[in-house]
Every structure is written in C-alpha cells, then in structure tokens.
Protein backbone atom coordinates (compact mmCIF):
# COMPACT_ATOMS: atom_id res chain seq x y z
CA UNK A 1 58.91 14.39 -5.30
CA UNK A 2 56.11 12.85 -3.32
CA UNK A 3 54.74 9.49 -4.45
CA UNK A 4 52.34 10.06 -7.34
CA UNK A 5 49.28 7.86 -7.78
CA UNK A 6 47.73 7.38 -11.22
CA UNK A 7 44.23 6.35 -12.22
CA UNK A 8 41.61 6.66 -14.95
CA UNK A 9 38.25 8.27 -14.21
CA UNK A 10 35.09 8.68 -16.29
CA UNK A 11 34.06 12.32 -16.52
CA UNK A 12 31.85 14.23 -18.95
CA UNK A 13 31.71 11.34 -21.40
CA UNK A 14 35.49 10.83 -21.64
CA UNK A 15 38.13 8.92 -19.71
CA UNK A 16 40.61 11.13 -17.89
CA UNK A 17 44.07 10.19 -16.68
CA UNK A 18 44.61 11.77 -13.26
CA UNK A 19 47.82 12.01 -11.23
CA UNK A 20 47.41 12.56 -7.49
CA UNK A 21 49.70 13.11 -4.53
CA UNK A 22 49.21 13.80 -0.84
CA UNK A 23 46.43 12.74 1.52
CA UNK A 24 43.06 11.54 0.23
CA UNK A 25 40.95 12.14 3.33
CA UNK A 26 37.99 14.47 2.92
CA UNK A 27 39.38 17.04 5.37
CA UNK A 28 42.56 17.68 3.35
CA UNK A 29 42.43 20.87 1.25
CA UNK A 30 42.61 20.00 -2.45
CA UNK A 31 44.58 21.72 -5.21
CA UNK A 32 43.71 21.19 -8.87
CA UNK A 33 46.58 21.76 -11.32
CA UNK A 34 45.70 22.60 -14.95
CA UNK A 35 48.48 22.24 -17.54
CA UNK A 36 49.07 23.94 -20.89
CA UNK A 37 50.63 23.17 -24.31
CA UNK A 38 52.73 21.18 -25.09
CA UNK A 39 52.59 19.72 -21.61
CA UNK A 40 50.97 17.10 -19.39
CA UNK A 41 50.18 16.61 -15.71
CA UNK A 42 53.95 16.12 -15.39
CA UNK A 43 54.58 19.87 -15.55
CA UNK A 44 53.31 20.10 -11.98
CA UNK A 45 55.52 17.36 -10.49
CA UNK A 46 57.51 19.82 -8.34
CA UNK A 47 54.50 21.70 -6.99
CA UNK A 48 52.67 18.44 -6.27
CA UNK A 49 55.58 17.19 -4.17
CA UNK A 50 55.93 20.48 -2.32
CA UNK A 51 52.24 20.84 -1.45
CA UNK A 52 51.65 17.15 -0.76
CA UNK A 53 54.37 17.32 1.89
CA UNK A 54 52.39 20.14 3.52
CA UNK A 55 49.13 18.24 3.74
CA UNK A 56 47.42 19.20 0.49
CA UNK A 57 45.65 16.75 -1.77
CA UNK A 58 47.09 17.42 -5.24
CA UNK A 59 45.14 16.53 -8.38
CA UNK A 60 46.68 16.98 -11.84
CA UNK A 61 44.78 15.57 -14.83
CA UNK A 62 45.90 15.25 -18.41
CA UNK A 63 43.38 17.53 -20.10
CA UNK A 64 41.13 16.37 -22.93
CA UNK A 65 43.30 15.43 -25.91
CA UNK A 66 46.49 14.98 -23.90
CA UNK A 67 48.41 11.99 -22.58
CA UNK A 68 46.21 9.28 -21.11
CA UNK A 69 42.96 11.21 -21.49
CA UNK A 70 40.51 10.66 -24.34
CA UNK A 71 41.23 12.68 -27.49
CA UNK A 72 38.07 13.16 -29.57
CA UNK A 73 38.97 13.57 -33.27
CA UNK A 74 36.68 16.53 -33.99
CA UNK A 75 38.33 19.94 -33.43
CA UNK A 76 35.04 21.45 -32.22
CA UNK A 77 35.04 18.98 -29.30
CA UNK A 78 37.67 21.16 -27.58
CA UNK A 79 35.70 24.30 -26.76
CA UNK A 80 35.98 26.01 -23.41
CA UNK A 81 32.61 24.50 -22.48
CA UNK A 82 33.96 20.99 -23.10
CA UNK A 83 37.13 21.56 -21.09
CA UNK A 84 35.44 23.32 -18.16
CA UNK A 85 32.77 20.61 -18.25
CA UNK A 86 35.50 17.96 -17.98
CA UNK A 87 36.98 19.67 -14.93
CA UNK A 88 33.65 20.08 -13.12
CA UNK A 89 32.77 16.44 -13.84
CA UNK A 90 36.20 15.37 -12.59
CA UNK A 91 35.70 17.28 -9.34
CA UNK A 92 32.32 15.59 -8.96
CA UNK A 93 33.88 12.16 -9.56
CA UNK A 94 36.47 12.92 -6.88
CA UNK A 95 33.77 14.26 -4.49
CA UNK A 96 35.51 17.64 -4.29
CA UNK A 97 32.92 20.41 -3.96
CA UNK A 98 35.55 23.17 -3.97
CA UNK A 99 39.29 23.32 -4.72
CA UNK A 100 42.20 25.66 -5.05
CA UNK A 101 43.08 25.97 -8.74
CA UNK A 102 46.53 26.54 -10.25
CA UNK A 103 46.77 27.01 -14.04
CA UNK A 104 49.48 27.68 -16.60
CA UNK A 105 49.41 28.63 -20.31
CA UNK A 106 46.25 27.09 -21.82
CA UNK A 107 45.57 25.79 -18.34
CA UNK A 108 45.41 29.40 -17.17
CA UNK A 109 42.88 30.21 -19.91
CA UNK A 110 40.80 27.20 -18.88
CA UNK A 111 41.06 28.25 -15.23
CA UNK A 112 39.94 31.82 -15.94
CA UNK A 113 36.89 30.40 -17.71
CA UNK A 114 36.23 27.90 -14.94
CA UNK A 115 36.09 30.87 -12.57
CA UNK A 116 33.71 32.73 -14.89
CA UNK A 117 31.37 29.79 -15.39
CA UNK A 118 31.60 27.95 -12.06
CA UNK A 119 33.11 30.20 -9.37
CA UNK A 120 31.33 28.10 -6.76
CA UNK A 121 33.87 25.30 -7.36
CA UNK A 122 36.98 27.50 -6.89
CA UNK A 123 38.19 28.49 -3.44
CA UNK A 124 41.05 30.63 -4.80
CA UNK A 125 43.07 30.83 -8.00
CA UNK A 126 46.80 31.07 -8.75
CA UNK A 127 47.36 31.54 -12.48
CA UNK A 128 50.72 31.57 -14.25
CA UNK A 129 51.89 33.24 -17.48
CA UNK A 130 48.59 34.05 -19.23
CA UNK A 131 46.56 36.93 -17.82
CA UNK A 132 42.79 37.09 -18.08
CA UNK A 133 41.74 38.05 -21.60
CA UNK A 134 38.35 39.79 -21.54
CA UNK A 135 36.20 39.18 -24.58
CA UNK A 136 36.50 42.04 -27.07
CA UNK A 137 33.26 42.14 -29.10
CA UNK A 138 34.84 43.76 -32.13
CA UNK A 139 38.00 41.64 -32.47
CA UNK A 140 38.24 37.86 -32.78
CA UNK A 141 41.35 36.25 -31.27
CA UNK A 142 42.73 35.15 -34.63
CA UNK A 143 42.41 38.72 -35.97
CA UNK A 144 44.34 40.00 -32.95
CA UNK A 145 47.24 37.59 -33.43
CA UNK A 146 47.37 38.10 -37.20
CA UNK A 147 47.51 41.86 -36.75
CA UNK A 148 50.25 41.54 -34.13
CA UNK A 149 52.48 38.85 -35.68
CA UNK A 150 51.22 37.85 -39.14
CA UNK A 151 49.93 34.61 -40.63
CA UNK A 152 53.11 32.68 -39.81
CA UNK A 153 52.68 33.08 -36.06
CA UNK A 154 52.17 29.64 -34.54
CA UNK A 155 48.70 30.43 -33.15
CA UNK A 156 47.54 31.42 -36.63
CA UNK A 157 49.14 28.42 -38.30
CA UNK A 158 47.62 26.03 -35.76
CA UNK A 159 44.14 27.41 -36.41
CA UNK A 160 44.49 27.28 -40.17
CA UNK A 161 45.24 23.55 -40.22
CA UNK A 162 41.65 22.31 -40.44
CA UNK A 163 42.30 18.66 -41.31
CA UNK A 164 44.98 17.05 -39.17
CA UNK A 165 45.37 14.24 -41.71
CA UNK A 166 46.46 16.57 -44.50
CA UNK A 167 50.19 17.25 -44.97
CA UNK A 168 51.40 20.37 -43.19
CA UNK A 169 51.66 20.92 -39.50
CA UNK A 170 51.55 17.23 -38.59
CA UNK A 171 54.35 16.55 -41.07
CA UNK A 172 56.43 19.29 -39.45
CA UNK A 173 56.00 17.78 -35.97
CA UNK A 174 56.80 14.35 -37.38
CA UNK A 175 60.19 15.54 -38.67
CA UNK A 176 61.38 16.29 -35.14
CA UNK A 177 63.24 14.05 -32.80
CA UNK A 178 60.78 14.56 -29.95
CA UNK A 179 63.41 14.82 -27.23
CA UNK A 180 65.04 17.63 -29.22
CA UNK A 181 61.65 19.25 -29.79
CA UNK A 182 60.78 19.38 -26.10
CA UNK A 183 64.23 20.63 -25.20
CA UNK A 184 63.76 23.48 -27.67
CA UNK A 185 60.10 24.17 -26.90
CA UNK A 186 60.65 24.43 -23.14
CA UNK A 187 63.87 26.46 -23.21
CA UNK A 188 63.94 28.75 -26.26
CA UNK A 189 63.31 32.42 -25.50
CA UNK A 190 62.08 33.32 -29.01
CA UNK A 191 59.49 36.09 -29.12
CA UNK A 192 56.95 37.43 -31.60
CA UNK A 193 56.58 35.60 -34.90
CA UNK A 194 59.59 33.40 -34.11
CA UNK A 195 57.90 31.74 -31.14
CA UNK A 196 57.11 28.05 -31.64
CA UNK A 197 57.94 28.34 -35.34
CA UNK A 198 58.50 24.69 -36.17
CA UNK A 199 60.43 25.40 -39.34
CA UNK A 200 62.79 27.81 -37.61
CA UNK A 201 63.16 25.46 -34.65
CA UNK A 202 64.51 22.85 -37.03
CA UNK A 203 67.51 25.07 -37.73
CA UNK A 204 68.62 25.12 -34.08
CA UNK A 205 71.22 22.68 -32.89
CA UNK A 206 69.87 19.33 -31.80
CA UNK A 207 72.72 19.15 -29.31
CA UNK A 208 71.36 21.87 -27.03
CA UNK A 209 72.54 21.55 -23.46
CA UNK A 210 69.72 20.99 -21.02
CA UNK A 211 69.37 23.72 -18.38
CA UNK A 212 69.72 22.74 -14.76
CA UNK A 213 65.95 22.73 -14.24
CA UNK A 214 65.20 20.27 -17.05
CA UNK A 215 66.56 16.72 -17.00
CA UNK A 216 67.03 13.99 -19.57
CA UNK A 217 64.34 12.07 -17.71
CA UNK A 218 61.92 14.98 -18.10
CA UNK A 219 62.24 15.33 -21.88
CA UNK A 220 62.26 11.54 -22.30
CA UNK A 221 58.95 11.28 -20.45
CA UNK A 222 57.29 13.93 -22.60
CA UNK A 223 58.72 12.44 -25.79
CA UNK A 224 57.53 8.95 -24.90
CA UNK A 225 53.95 10.10 -24.27
CA UNK A 226 53.69 12.36 -27.31
CA UNK A 227 55.19 9.68 -29.56
CA UNK A 228 52.01 7.70 -28.84
CA UNK A 229 49.43 10.52 -28.86
CA UNK A 230 50.77 13.08 -31.34
CA UNK A 231 49.92 16.76 -30.99
CA UNK A 232 46.42 16.90 -32.48
CA UNK A 233 44.62 17.22 -29.15
CA UNK A 234 46.63 20.22 -28.00
CA UNK A 235 46.43 21.95 -31.38
CA UNK A 236 42.63 21.61 -31.33
CA UNK A 237 42.52 24.07 -28.41
CA UNK A 238 43.94 26.72 -30.75
CA UNK A 239 41.47 25.77 -33.47
CA UNK A 240 38.64 26.63 -31.07
CA UNK A 241 39.86 30.12 -30.18
CA UNK A 242 37.42 31.93 -32.47
CA UNK A 243 34.64 29.44 -31.70
CA UNK A 244 35.15 30.10 -27.99
CA UNK A 245 34.91 33.83 -28.73
CA UNK A 246 31.49 33.23 -30.25
CA UNK A 247 30.28 30.91 -27.50
CA UNK A 248 31.34 33.26 -24.72
CA UNK A 249 29.31 36.21 -26.07
CA UNK A 250 26.86 36.07 -23.11
CA UNK A 251 29.80 36.61 -20.75
CA UNK A 252 31.03 39.79 -22.46
CA UNK A 253 32.00 42.16 -19.66
CA UNK A 254 31.76 39.46 -16.98
CA UNK A 255 34.25 39.70 -14.15
CA UNK A 256 36.25 36.95 -12.47
CA UNK A 257 34.90 36.94 -8.90
CA UNK A 258 37.43 34.62 -7.26
CA UNK A 259 40.40 35.49 -5.00
CA UNK A 260 43.38 35.51 -7.35
CA UNK A 261 47.16 35.69 -7.51
CA UNK A 262 48.95 36.02 -10.86
CA UNK A 263 52.58 35.17 -11.58
CA UNK A 264 54.57 35.74 -14.79
CA UNK A 265 58.20 35.75 -15.85
CA UNK A 266 59.52 38.94 -17.39
CA UNK A 267 60.94 36.82 -20.22
CA UNK A 268 57.61 35.18 -21.01
CA UNK A 269 56.28 35.72 -24.54
CA UNK A 270 52.73 36.03 -23.19
CA UNK A 271 53.85 38.97 -21.02
CA UNK A 272 55.05 40.77 -24.16
CA UNK A 273 51.95 40.44 -26.33
CA UNK A 274 50.82 43.91 -27.47
CA UNK A 275 48.96 45.70 -24.67
CA UNK A 276 49.41 42.98 -22.05
CA UNK A 277 51.84 44.81 -19.74
CA UNK A 278 49.68 47.89 -19.75
CA UNK A 279 46.58 45.80 -19.06
CA UNK A 280 48.25 44.01 -16.15
CA UNK A 281 49.83 47.03 -14.48
CA UNK A 282 47.59 49.98 -15.38
CA UNK A 283 44.26 48.96 -13.92
CA UNK A 284 42.58 46.84 -16.58
CA UNK A 285 43.44 43.53 -14.96
CA UNK A 286 42.18 44.62 -11.54
CA UNK A 287 39.01 46.00 -13.12
CA UNK A 288 38.18 42.64 -14.73
CA UNK A 289 39.41 40.52 -11.80
CA UNK A 290 38.26 42.60 -8.80
CA UNK A 291 39.54 40.03 -6.28
CA UNK A 292 43.04 40.08 -7.78
CA UNK A 293 45.23 40.36 -4.70
CA UNK A 294 48.75 40.13 -6.07
CA UNK A 295 50.73 40.26 -9.32
CA UNK A 296 54.25 38.81 -9.21
CA UNK A 297 56.73 39.41 -12.06
CA UNK A 298 59.77 37.16 -11.73
CA UNK A 299 62.91 38.58 -13.25
CA UNK A 300 64.79 36.40 -15.73
CA UNK A 301 62.10 33.72 -15.89
CA UNK A 302 60.58 32.41 -19.10
CA UNK A 303 57.28 30.80 -20.01
CA UNK A 304 57.52 27.36 -18.35
CA UNK A 305 57.96 29.05 -15.03
CA UNK A 306 56.65 26.31 -12.74
CA UNK A 307 59.50 24.09 -13.94
CA UNK A 308 62.21 26.72 -14.42
CA UNK A 309 61.62 28.26 -10.99
CA UNK A 310 60.05 25.26 -9.29
CA UNK A 311 60.85 26.07 -5.67
CA UNK A 312 59.96 29.74 -6.01
CA UNK A 313 56.62 29.04 -7.68
CA UNK A 314 55.77 26.33 -5.15
CA UNK A 315 56.42 28.77 -2.32
CA UNK A 316 54.32 31.48 -3.99
CA UNK A 317 51.39 29.09 -4.39
CA UNK A 318 51.62 27.85 -0.81
CA UNK A 319 52.02 31.32 0.68
CA UNK A 320 48.83 32.40 -1.04
CA UNK A 321 46.50 29.45 -0.49
CA UNK A 322 47.52 28.72 3.10
CA UNK A 323 45.89 31.93 4.31
CA UNK A 324 42.48 30.57 3.31
CA UNK A 325 42.87 27.63 5.69
CA UNK A 326 42.30 29.77 8.76
CA UNK A 327 39.06 31.32 7.55
CA UNK A 328 37.20 28.22 6.41
CA UNK A 329 35.25 27.85 3.20
CA UNK A 330 33.88 31.05 1.66
CA UNK A 331 30.23 31.30 0.64
CA UNK A 332 29.46 29.55 -2.65
CA UNK A 333 29.55 31.92 -5.62
CA UNK A 334 27.23 30.99 -8.48
CA UNK A 335 27.81 32.38 -11.97
CA UNK A 336 24.84 34.24 -13.45
CA UNK A 337 24.23 35.50 -16.98
C-alpha cells in the first residue's frame, strides 16, 4: 500500500473525511473512489496503492453517514441529490474540475447518478457490481424487490425501519460481534432472500476462517469504526430508494453519456437479480449507457470484488483509464433536462 493521507474537508454543508494517496500536483490525473455498504474508504486501499504508484492522485472519501463524515439524523438527508452534491462540492474543494470515477455497490449507484447529473465532472467511469438501473415509471424500487424476494429481503427490511431508535434492525446489528459480522458480510455467498439476513447470519459460526484476501487487520478496522458510528447512515441510503425514484422523474429515459467500463463477479448477488443478466448482455445496458466500452464478468468472484480480486481489479481500472491520458481532456459534457 502507498502512504495514505487523511484530512477533513467542508463540502455541501457537511464535514467529509477523505483519504488520499499519490501525487497532489495539479498535473496528476485524479481518480475518485466511491464506496458502498457496509464499507468505507478502506475498501479501496489496494487500488489506491496500485494507482498511486503509477502517478495517479487517488481520492477516497467516506460518504455521507459513514466513518469520519457527518451523518445527518434525518433519513431524507440521504437522497441521490445530497450524495451527488457532496461529491461535486468535494471536487470543488480539492480544485479538481474533472476526475476518473470508480464506484462499487451503492457507490456504483451514486456514480451512475453523478454521470447523469454532472457528466462534465467525469472523465471516464469504471463501475463494479451494480449495473445502471434505468428509472421504470411504473415500478418503484421497493415494489421490485418485494416482488422478487419478499418482505424479509434486507433491502425491504432496511426501508421499513423508519425510526432508527425503535427496537428492530438496530437491535439486530447490536447483537453482533462486529468482527464476526464483517467477516460474514464480506465473504458469505448467500443469494436471494438469504442475502444480508441478519437473523440468519447469526446462525453461522462465529469462528469462520478468513479468506486469503481479508485479514484480521481489515475486519478489525471496519469493526472499530462502525462501533463508533453504527449503521444508521448506510441504512438511510436504502430508505431513500423510493424517494430517489420520485426525485429522478425528470431524468426518466436519460442516458449515461460518459465512457464506461463495467466489472462484475459471476457470484455477485447483484448480477443475479431478476432480469439483470439479460439487461447487461442483451442490449439494454448498451442502449442506456451508449459509451459503454467493455463489460467484464470475472469467474468465481463475489460481491466485494475490489478486495477479493484486488490485483485483477486494479489492473482492469488502470488498463481502461490510462488510454485517456494520451488524448487529453474531452470536451465538457453538461447534463440537460
């Protein structure tokens, strides 16, 4: 790993914790890493080291509600407009007019929306695990997940917990030894309604052997941070799924007009959601993301692919973004309604 620098920055009315690696001079190409749930900037430690060693300025914030970044208590303070606004304000604070963006899980969703709303700030995109999800006017996200997996699916349960202070989901998280929780959450290959089922996860052995790609230090770091912050911030992203669907109505049918590479593991739950494989491979994805240049499906890989296959993912990211270095900055692309 390259040396990682940490600082706090004011952006969009909140304080953001930002991890950085690599050169800081204005001429260095910058890469913004956007994490998912239940993660932190730390998920990108391998990619930051790899790209920093190759001359890239790497920027990995804790998103709103996570780690060292402000966590507003109101669930409706976590809409896509808030999160994209945080990122744009962070880029402004860092004096970065345009960056390469790499997203995973919820970070991929945020990155897709960043490209819809502010394509002028994105030089090229590499997204992992979660494909673009075009807005379907007749079906809200919660209805989709309920129809596919039922009310007990974790996405549905997260959205139904309106008051974090009431007994329920918070009590279930609190019953876990957090090191055991992160070991399970990052390594279990459960699919469908069994995915991230906290009650079922409790039945698994707490003596699970860590895989080679996940260390005791890794799970200890996550556990130490989440023991202070709890999970409310991350869960609030799920609570805003239907609200985001309403807010994004003006962008129904909008296309992602940014050069894009997409990578997913063939063991990733998100790859097996109903209709997703067909969408990715049968033309729908390319229709909605016209500048999609490559789709990579990695055999045997799960959801937390940037950690499980760290070297491979780092190489994929570098191989894609380095080709833009020779051609200079593209014209600014401004989103229009």
